[in-house]
Amino acid sequence: MPTKRTGKRRRKSGKSSACKFKVTWGTKAEKLFYQIRDSDDQARILDAADGLSKSANTKGKRLKGPLSDFRSLRVGRYRIAYTIEKSNVYIAIVGPRADVYEALKRLRLQLSR
């Protein structure tokens, strides 16, 4: 799970006292997250992922068409694509808007095989 780098302290995403949802990062999402070079963008993405642990149903928007199982949260020029199952949030893809939806379609095809 990606962590916020703030000196010697490490704060994990999705771990707060008022959590309604448990946030889990997929391996593809983690890999794409660490490819983002700007630490400010990484911090904003981690804060948004932390916000998902409190209110995943009201944040982001439900995608349409073949991706209707997923929701998308806007974080500047980046998107977090995730699914909700009971009290778990699974972050599938993180990346620039232009790339996220195509990568999500490919991921969905891989999962359906």
Protein backbone atom coordinates (compact mmCIF):
# COMPACT_ATOMS: atom_id res chain seq x y z
CA MET A 1 0.00 0.00 0.00
CA PRO A 2 1.47 3.38 -0.90
CA THR A 3 2.36 5.55 2.07
CA LYS A 4 2.82 9.25 2.41
CA ARG A 5 6.47 10.18 2.80
CA THR A 6 6.71 12.82 5.48
CA GLY A 7 10.14 12.72 7.05
CA LYS A 8 10.51 9.86 9.51
CA ARG A 9 6.78 9.40 10.10
CA ARG A 10 4.76 7.21 7.78
CA ARG A 11 1.03 7.56 7.46
CA LYS A 12 -0.84 4.76 5.77
CA SER A 13 -3.78 5.47 3.53
CA GLY A 14 -7.17 4.23 4.68
CA LYS A 15 -6.28 3.99 8.39
CA SER A 16 -8.33 6.48 10.37
CA SER A 17 -10.55 6.19 13.40
CA ALA A 18 -13.82 6.87 11.55
CA CYS A 19 -13.32 4.40 8.69
CA LYS A 20 -16.41 2.90 7.15
CA PHE A 21 -14.50 1.24 4.31
CA LYS A 22 -11.24 -0.68 4.17
CA VAL A 23 -9.13 0.59 1.26
CA THR A 24 -7.04 -1.98 -0.63
CA TRP A 25 -4.63 -1.08 -3.42
CA GLY A 26 -4.30 -3.41 -6.38
CA THR A 27 -0.81 -4.29 -7.58
CA LYS A 28 -1.36 -2.42 -10.87
CA ALA A 29 -2.56 0.67 -8.97
CA GLU A 30 0.49 0.59 -6.69
CA LYS A 31 2.85 0.24 -9.64
CA LEU A 32 1.23 3.16 -11.47
CA PHE A 33 1.18 5.26 -8.29
CA TYR A 34 4.94 4.95 -7.82
CA GLN A 35 5.49 5.95 -11.45
CA ILE A 36 4.04 9.40 -10.69
CA ARG A 37 7.09 11.59 -10.23
CA ASP A 38 5.55 14.64 -8.56
CA SER A 39 5.44 14.12 -4.79
CA ASP A 40 2.68 16.74 -4.44
CA ASP A 41 0.48 14.76 -6.82
CA GLN A 42 1.26 11.58 -4.88
CA ALA A 43 0.27 13.29 -1.63
CA ARG A 44 -3.03 14.49 -3.13
CA ILE A 45 -3.79 10.99 -4.40
CA LEU A 46 -3.07 9.47 -0.97
CA ASP A 47 -5.31 12.04 0.70
CA ALA A 48 -8.10 11.24 -1.78
CA ALA A 49 -7.65 7.50 -1.15
CA ASP A 50 -7.85 8.19 2.58
CA GLY A 51 -11.10 10.06 1.95
CA LEU A 52 -12.49 6.96 0.24
CA SER A 53 -12.20 5.10 3.53
CA LYS A 54 -14.73 7.49 5.04
CA SER A 55 -17.25 7.98 2.22
CA ALA A 56 -16.55 5.94 -0.90
CA ASN A 57 -20.21 5.94 -1.99
CA THR A 58 -20.51 9.71 -2.21
CA LYS A 59 -17.10 10.46 -3.69
CA GLY A 60 -16.34 9.99 -7.36
CA LYS A 61 -18.77 9.04 -10.06
CA ARG A 62 -20.10 5.76 -11.32
CA LEU A 63 -18.70 4.89 -14.74
CA LYS A 64 -20.98 3.93 -17.61
CA GLY A 65 -21.06 1.19 -20.21
CA PRO A 66 -18.75 -1.81 -19.84
CA LEU A 67 -17.00 -0.14 -16.88
CA SER A 68 -20.18 0.31 -14.83
CA ASP A 69 -18.75 -1.84 -12.02
CA PHE A 70 -16.17 0.89 -11.33
CA ARG A 71 -16.23 4.39 -9.90
CA SER A 72 -13.80 7.19 -10.73
CA LEU A 73 -12.49 9.89 -8.43
CA ARG A 74 -10.90 13.00 -9.88
CA VAL A 75 -7.65 14.18 -8.25
CA GLY A 76 -6.35 17.06 -10.37
CA ARG A 77 -5.30 15.63 -13.72
CA TYR A 78 -5.25 12.11 -12.26
CA ARG A 79 -8.03 9.59 -11.72
CA ILE A 80 -8.48 6.87 -9.14
CA ALA A 81 -10.61 4.01 -10.48
CA TYR A 82 -12.08 1.81 -7.76
CA THR A 83 -14.83 -0.64 -6.90
CA ILE A 84 -16.89 -1.02 -3.74
CA GLU A 85 -17.91 -4.39 -2.33
CA LYS A 86 -19.70 -4.31 1.03
CA SER A 87 -17.27 -2.40 3.28
CA ASN A 88 -14.20 -2.80 1.05
CA VAL A 89 -12.85 -0.35 -1.51
CA TYR A 90 -10.49 -1.83 -4.10
CA ILE A 91 -8.35 0.72 -5.97
CA ALA A 92 -7.79 -0.83 -9.38
CA ILE A 93 -5.98 1.88 -11.38
CA VAL A 94 -4.38 5.26 -10.66
CA GLY A 95 -3.06 7.52 -13.39
CA PRO A 96 -3.59 10.40 -15.82
CA ARG A 97 -7.13 10.77 -17.12
CA ALA A 98 -6.11 10.09 -20.71
CA ASP A 99 -4.72 6.65 -19.81
CA VAL A 100 -6.88 5.39 -16.96
CA TYR A 101 -10.00 4.38 -18.83
CA GLU A 102 -8.17 2.39 -21.52
CA ALA A 103 -6.05 0.66 -18.86
CA LEU A 104 -9.23 -0.11 -16.93
CA LYS A 105 -10.81 -1.71 -20.00
CA ARG A 106 -7.70 -3.88 -20.48
CA LEU A 107 -7.71 -4.83 -16.80
CA ARG A 108 -11.37 -5.80 -16.99
CA LEU A 109 -10.68 -8.02 -20.00
CA GLN A 110 -7.85 -9.75 -18.13
CA LEU A 111 -10.06 -10.35 -15.10
CA SER A 112 -12.90 -11.79 -17.18
CA ARG A 113 -10.70 -14.52 -18.70
